[in-house]
N, C-alpha and C. Protein backbone atom coordinates (compact mmCIF):
# COMPACT_ATOMS: atom_id res chain seq x y z
N MET A 1 0.84 -1.18 0.00
CA MET A 1 0.00 0.00 0.00
C MET A 1 0.89 1.24 0.00
N ALA A 2 0.59 2.14 -0.92
CA ALA A 2 1.42 3.33 -1.09
C ALA A 2 0.88 4.50 -0.28
N ASP A 3 1.79 5.42 0.03
CA ASP A 3 1.38 6.67 0.67
C ASP A 3 0.76 7.58 -0.38
N VAL A 4 -0.22 8.34 0.03
CA VAL A 4 -0.88 9.29 -0.87
C VAL A 4 -0.75 10.67 -0.26
N LYS A 5 -0.07 11.55 -0.99
CA LYS A 5 0.07 12.94 -0.55
C LYS A 5 -1.10 13.72 -1.17
N VAL A 6 -1.94 14.27 -0.31
CA VAL A 6 -3.17 14.91 -0.76
C VAL A 6 -3.12 16.40 -0.47
N SER A 7 -3.50 17.20 -1.45
CA SER A 7 -3.68 18.64 -1.22
C SER A 7 -5.10 19.00 -1.66
N VAL A 8 -5.75 19.81 -0.85
CA VAL A 8 -7.14 20.19 -1.12
C VAL A 8 -7.21 21.70 -1.27
N THR A 9 -7.88 22.15 -2.33
CA THR A 9 -8.07 23.57 -2.59
C THR A 9 -9.56 23.87 -2.62
N PHE A 10 -9.94 24.96 -2.00
CA PHE A 10 -11.34 25.40 -1.99
C PHE A 10 -11.47 26.63 -2.87
N ARG A 11 -12.50 26.63 -3.73
CA ARG A 11 -12.76 27.80 -4.58
C ARG A 11 -14.17 28.31 -4.31
N HIS A 12 -14.28 29.59 -4.11
CA HIS A 12 -15.57 30.27 -3.92
C HIS A 12 -16.33 29.76 -2.71
N THR A 13 -15.63 29.26 -1.72
CA THR A 13 -16.25 28.79 -0.49
C THR A 13 -15.23 28.85 0.64
N GLU A 14 -15.74 28.90 1.84
CA GLU A 14 -14.86 28.90 3.00
C GLU A 14 -14.28 27.50 3.21
N PRO A 15 -12.99 27.41 3.52
CA PRO A 15 -12.40 26.10 3.79
C PRO A 15 -13.06 25.42 4.99
N SER A 16 -13.39 24.17 4.82
CA SER A 16 -14.03 23.39 5.87
C SER A 16 -13.12 22.22 6.23
N GLU A 17 -12.80 22.10 7.49
CA GLU A 17 -11.93 21.01 7.93
C GLU A 17 -12.60 19.66 7.72
N ALA A 18 -13.92 19.59 7.90
CA ALA A 18 -14.65 18.33 7.71
C ALA A 18 -14.59 17.88 6.26
N LEU A 19 -14.79 18.81 5.31
CA LEU A 19 -14.70 18.47 3.89
C LEU A 19 -13.28 18.06 3.51
N ARG A 20 -12.30 18.79 4.03
CA ARG A 20 -10.90 18.48 3.75
C ARG A 20 -10.56 17.06 4.24
N ARG A 21 -10.94 16.75 5.44
CA ARG A 21 -10.65 15.44 6.02
C ARG A 21 -11.38 14.33 5.25
N TYR A 22 -12.62 14.60 4.85
CA TYR A 22 -13.42 13.62 4.10
C TYR A 22 -12.74 13.29 2.76
N ALA A 23 -12.32 14.32 2.04
CA ALA A 23 -11.65 14.12 0.75
C ALA A 23 -10.31 13.39 0.94
N GLU A 24 -9.55 13.78 1.94
CA GLU A 24 -8.25 13.14 2.19
C GLU A 24 -8.43 11.67 2.53
N ASP A 25 -9.40 11.34 3.37
CA ASP A 25 -9.64 9.95 3.74
C ASP A 25 -10.02 9.11 2.53
N LYS A 26 -10.88 9.65 1.69
CA LYS A 26 -11.30 8.93 0.48
C LYS A 26 -10.11 8.68 -0.45
N LEU A 27 -9.26 9.69 -0.63
CA LEU A 27 -8.12 9.55 -1.54
C LEU A 27 -7.05 8.62 -0.99
N ARG A 28 -6.86 8.61 0.29
CA ARG A 28 -5.84 7.73 0.88
C ARG A 28 -6.17 6.26 0.65
N LYS A 29 -7.45 5.95 0.49
CA LYS A 29 -7.85 4.57 0.24
C LYS A 29 -7.39 4.07 -1.13
N LEU A 30 -7.07 5.00 -2.04
CA LEU A 30 -6.60 4.60 -3.36
C LEU A 30 -5.17 4.08 -3.34
N GLY A 31 -4.48 4.26 -2.23
CA GLY A 31 -3.11 3.76 -2.10
C GLY A 31 -3.02 2.25 -2.20
N LYS A 32 -4.14 1.55 -1.99
CA LYS A 32 -4.12 0.09 -2.05
C LYS A 32 -3.86 -0.43 -3.47
N TYR A 33 -4.05 0.41 -4.47
CA TYR A 33 -3.83 -0.01 -5.85
C TYR A 33 -2.38 0.15 -6.31
N PHE A 34 -1.56 0.85 -5.54
CA PHE A 34 -0.21 1.18 -5.99
C PHE A 34 0.83 0.80 -4.94
N TYR A 35 2.06 0.63 -5.40
CA TYR A 35 3.17 0.32 -4.50
C TYR A 35 4.07 1.53 -4.25
N ARG A 36 4.01 2.48 -5.13
CA ARG A 36 4.83 3.69 -4.99
C ARG A 36 3.96 4.86 -4.57
N PRO A 37 4.56 5.89 -3.99
CA PRO A 37 3.79 7.05 -3.50
C PRO A 37 3.01 7.74 -4.62
N LEU A 38 1.89 8.30 -4.24
CA LEU A 38 1.03 9.03 -5.17
C LEU A 38 0.88 10.47 -4.71
N GLU A 39 0.54 11.33 -5.65
CA GLU A 39 0.20 12.71 -5.32
C GLU A 39 -1.20 12.97 -5.87
N ALA A 40 -2.04 13.56 -5.05
CA ALA A 40 -3.40 13.86 -5.46
C ALA A 40 -3.73 15.31 -5.12
N HIS A 41 -4.40 15.95 -6.04
CA HIS A 41 -4.84 17.33 -5.81
C HIS A 41 -6.35 17.38 -6.02
N VAL A 42 -7.04 17.90 -5.02
CA VAL A 42 -8.50 17.99 -5.06
C VAL A 42 -8.89 19.46 -5.06
N VAL A 43 -9.82 19.80 -5.95
CA VAL A 43 -10.38 21.15 -5.98
C VAL A 43 -11.86 21.03 -5.68
N LEU A 44 -12.29 21.69 -4.63
CA LEU A 44 -13.71 21.72 -4.25
C LEU A 44 -14.22 23.13 -4.50
N ALA A 45 -15.22 23.25 -5.37
CA ALA A 45 -15.71 24.57 -5.76
C ALA A 45 -17.22 24.65 -5.62
N VAL A 46 -17.68 25.85 -5.29
CA VAL A 46 -19.11 26.12 -5.21
C VAL A 46 -19.40 27.28 -6.15
N ASP A 47 -20.14 26.98 -7.24
CA ASP A 47 -20.53 28.03 -8.17
C ASP A 47 -21.89 28.61 -7.80
N SER A 48 -22.79 27.75 -7.38
CA SER A 48 -24.10 28.18 -6.91
C SER A 48 -24.64 27.07 -6.01
N ARG A 49 -25.84 27.25 -5.51
CA ARG A 49 -26.42 26.22 -4.64
C ARG A 49 -26.59 24.90 -5.36
N GLU A 50 -26.97 24.97 -6.62
CA GLU A 50 -27.22 23.75 -7.39
C GLU A 50 -25.96 23.21 -8.05
N ARG A 51 -24.91 23.99 -8.09
CA ARG A 51 -23.71 23.59 -8.84
C ARG A 51 -22.49 23.61 -7.93
N GLN A 52 -22.19 22.45 -7.37
CA GLN A 52 -21.01 22.29 -6.54
C GLN A 52 -20.20 21.16 -7.15
N LEU A 53 -18.90 21.39 -7.31
CA LEU A 53 -18.13 20.39 -8.02
C LEU A 53 -16.84 20.02 -7.31
N ALA A 54 -16.41 18.80 -7.62
CA ALA A 54 -15.16 18.27 -7.09
C ALA A 54 -14.33 17.79 -8.27
N GLU A 55 -13.06 18.18 -8.30
CA GLU A 55 -12.14 17.74 -9.33
C GLU A 55 -10.96 17.07 -8.66
N VAL A 56 -10.51 15.97 -9.24
CA VAL A 56 -9.36 15.24 -8.70
C VAL A 56 -8.34 15.06 -9.80
N SER A 57 -7.10 15.32 -9.47
CA SER A 57 -5.98 15.04 -10.35
C SER A 57 -5.02 14.14 -9.58
N LEU A 58 -4.82 12.94 -10.09
CA LEU A 58 -4.00 11.94 -9.41
C LEU A 58 -2.76 11.68 -10.23
N GLN A 59 -1.60 11.77 -9.60
CA GLN A 59 -0.32 11.59 -10.29
C GLN A 59 0.41 10.40 -9.67
N ALA A 60 0.57 9.35 -10.45
CA ALA A 60 1.37 8.20 -10.03
C ALA A 60 2.65 8.21 -10.87
N ARG A 61 3.43 7.18 -10.79
CA ARG A 61 4.71 7.15 -11.47
C ARG A 61 4.58 7.38 -12.97
N GLN A 62 3.77 6.58 -13.64
CA GLN A 62 3.61 6.72 -15.09
C GLN A 62 2.16 6.98 -15.47
N LEU A 63 1.38 7.45 -14.54
CA LEU A 63 -0.05 7.58 -14.76
C LEU A 63 -0.54 8.91 -14.20
N THR A 64 -1.33 9.59 -15.00
CA THR A 64 -1.99 10.81 -14.55
C THR A 64 -3.47 10.67 -14.86
N LEU A 65 -4.29 10.83 -13.83
CA LEU A 65 -5.74 10.71 -13.99
C LEU A 65 -6.41 12.01 -13.58
N HIS A 66 -7.43 12.38 -14.33
CA HIS A 66 -8.23 13.56 -14.01
C HIS A 66 -9.69 13.15 -14.02
N SER A 67 -10.43 13.68 -13.08
CA SER A 67 -11.85 13.39 -13.04
C SER A 67 -12.58 14.57 -12.42
N ARG A 68 -13.87 14.69 -12.77
CA ARG A 68 -14.66 15.82 -12.28
C ARG A 68 -16.10 15.36 -12.07
N GLU A 69 -16.70 15.83 -11.01
CA GLU A 69 -18.10 15.50 -10.72
C GLU A 69 -18.81 16.75 -10.24
N GLU A 70 -20.02 16.93 -10.72
CA GLU A 70 -20.81 18.12 -10.37
C GLU A 70 -22.17 17.68 -9.83
N THR A 71 -22.50 18.11 -8.61
CA THR A 71 -23.80 17.80 -8.01
C THR A 71 -24.26 19.02 -7.21
N ASN A 72 -25.30 18.84 -6.41
CA ASN A 72 -25.75 19.95 -5.57
C ASN A 72 -25.25 19.80 -4.14
N ASP A 73 -24.37 18.81 -3.87
CA ASP A 73 -23.81 18.58 -2.54
C ASP A 73 -22.34 18.21 -2.69
N LEU A 74 -21.47 18.87 -1.94
CA LEU A 74 -20.03 18.61 -2.08
C LEU A 74 -19.65 17.20 -1.64
N TYR A 75 -20.28 16.67 -0.62
CA TYR A 75 -19.97 15.31 -0.18
C TYR A 75 -20.33 14.30 -1.28
N ALA A 76 -21.48 14.50 -1.92
CA ALA A 76 -21.88 13.62 -3.02
C ALA A 76 -20.94 13.79 -4.21
N ALA A 77 -20.48 15.01 -4.44
CA ALA A 77 -19.53 15.24 -5.53
C ALA A 77 -18.21 14.52 -5.27
N ILE A 78 -17.75 14.55 -4.02
CA ILE A 78 -16.52 13.83 -3.66
C ILE A 78 -16.71 12.34 -3.87
N ASP A 79 -17.83 11.80 -3.42
CA ASP A 79 -18.10 10.37 -3.62
C ASP A 79 -18.13 10.01 -5.10
N GLY A 80 -18.80 10.84 -5.89
CA GLY A 80 -18.91 10.57 -7.33
C GLY A 80 -17.58 10.62 -8.04
N VAL A 81 -16.77 11.61 -7.71
CA VAL A 81 -15.47 11.73 -8.37
C VAL A 81 -14.54 10.59 -7.94
N MET A 82 -14.68 10.13 -6.71
CA MET A 82 -13.86 9.01 -6.25
C MET A 82 -14.24 7.72 -6.98
N ASP A 83 -15.53 7.53 -7.22
CA ASP A 83 -15.97 6.37 -7.99
C ASP A 83 -15.38 6.40 -9.40
N LYS A 84 -15.38 7.57 -10.02
CA LYS A 84 -14.82 7.71 -11.36
C LYS A 84 -13.32 7.42 -11.38
N VAL A 85 -12.60 7.97 -10.41
CA VAL A 85 -11.15 7.75 -10.35
C VAL A 85 -10.84 6.27 -10.12
N GLU A 86 -11.58 5.66 -9.22
CA GLU A 86 -11.35 4.24 -8.93
C GLU A 86 -11.63 3.38 -10.16
N GLN A 87 -12.63 3.74 -10.93
CA GLN A 87 -12.94 3.01 -12.16
C GLN A 87 -11.80 3.18 -13.17
N GLN A 88 -11.24 4.38 -13.28
CA GLN A 88 -10.11 4.62 -14.19
C GLN A 88 -8.89 3.81 -13.76
N ILE A 89 -8.65 3.72 -12.46
CA ILE A 89 -7.51 2.96 -11.95
C ILE A 89 -7.69 1.47 -12.27
N ARG A 90 -8.88 0.96 -12.03
CA ARG A 90 -9.14 -0.46 -12.32
C ARG A 90 -8.94 -0.76 -13.80
N LYS A 91 -9.41 0.14 -14.67
CA LYS A 91 -9.24 -0.04 -16.11
C LYS A 91 -7.76 -0.05 -16.48
N TYR A 92 -6.99 0.87 -15.91
CA TYR A 92 -5.55 0.94 -16.17
C TYR A 92 -4.86 -0.34 -15.69
N LYS A 93 -5.20 -0.80 -14.50
CA LYS A 93 -4.58 -2.00 -13.94
C LYS A 93 -4.91 -3.23 -14.80
N GLU A 94 -6.14 -3.32 -15.26
CA GLU A 94 -6.53 -4.46 -16.11
C GLU A 94 -5.76 -4.43 -17.43
N LYS A 95 -5.60 -3.26 -18.01
CA LYS A 95 -4.84 -3.15 -19.26
C LYS A 95 -3.39 -3.58 -19.07
N THR A 96 -2.77 -3.11 -17.98
CA THR A 96 -1.37 -3.48 -17.76
C THR A 96 -1.24 -4.96 -17.44
N ARG A 97 -2.22 -5.53 -16.75
CA ARG A 97 -2.18 -6.96 -16.44
C ARG A 97 -2.28 -7.78 -17.73
N LEU A 98 -3.17 -7.38 -18.63
CA LEU A 98 -3.31 -8.07 -19.90
C LEU A 98 -2.07 -7.91 -20.77
N ARG A 99 -1.46 -6.74 -20.73
CA ARG A 99 -0.26 -6.48 -21.53
C ARG A 99 0.89 -7.38 -21.07
N ARG A 100 1.00 -7.57 -19.75
CA ARG A 100 2.07 -8.43 -19.22
C ARG A 100 1.87 -9.87 -19.65
N ARG A 101 0.62 -10.28 -19.81
CA ARG A 101 0.33 -11.66 -20.19
C ARG A 101 0.42 -11.85 -21.70
N GLY A 102 0.56 -10.77 -22.45
CA GLY A 102 0.69 -10.86 -23.90
C GLY A 102 -0.63 -10.83 -24.64
N GLU A 103 -1.71 -10.48 -23.95
CA GLU A 103 -3.01 -10.39 -24.60
C GLU A 103 -3.28 -8.96 -25.01
N LYS A 104 -4.26 -8.78 -25.86
CA LYS A 104 -4.64 -7.42 -26.27
C LYS A 104 -5.51 -6.79 -25.20
N GLY A 105 -5.32 -5.48 -24.95
CA GLY A 105 -6.09 -4.82 -23.91
C GLY A 105 -6.71 -3.58 -24.30
């Protein structure tokens, strides 16, 4: 399990320690997919009541992933963006596993 260095940025909203901790905890769970340290940057923004978004940029050794989710709740946006990132990681891992075995991916 790799260490995940997380930085959280707030746009157009007051920084909340609860939101920061929630995002950091969710991102640290992604360390189970990697053996080397990761860097993650999260942007939490509020444009209006109905438009709150979370963006994640994840940097691993040879992999860079970006994802974005927009909902009316920041916690739901964090959950949604984490699902997207985890799906991208699984797809990448499956491709590399198939490539090592000599199959097409």
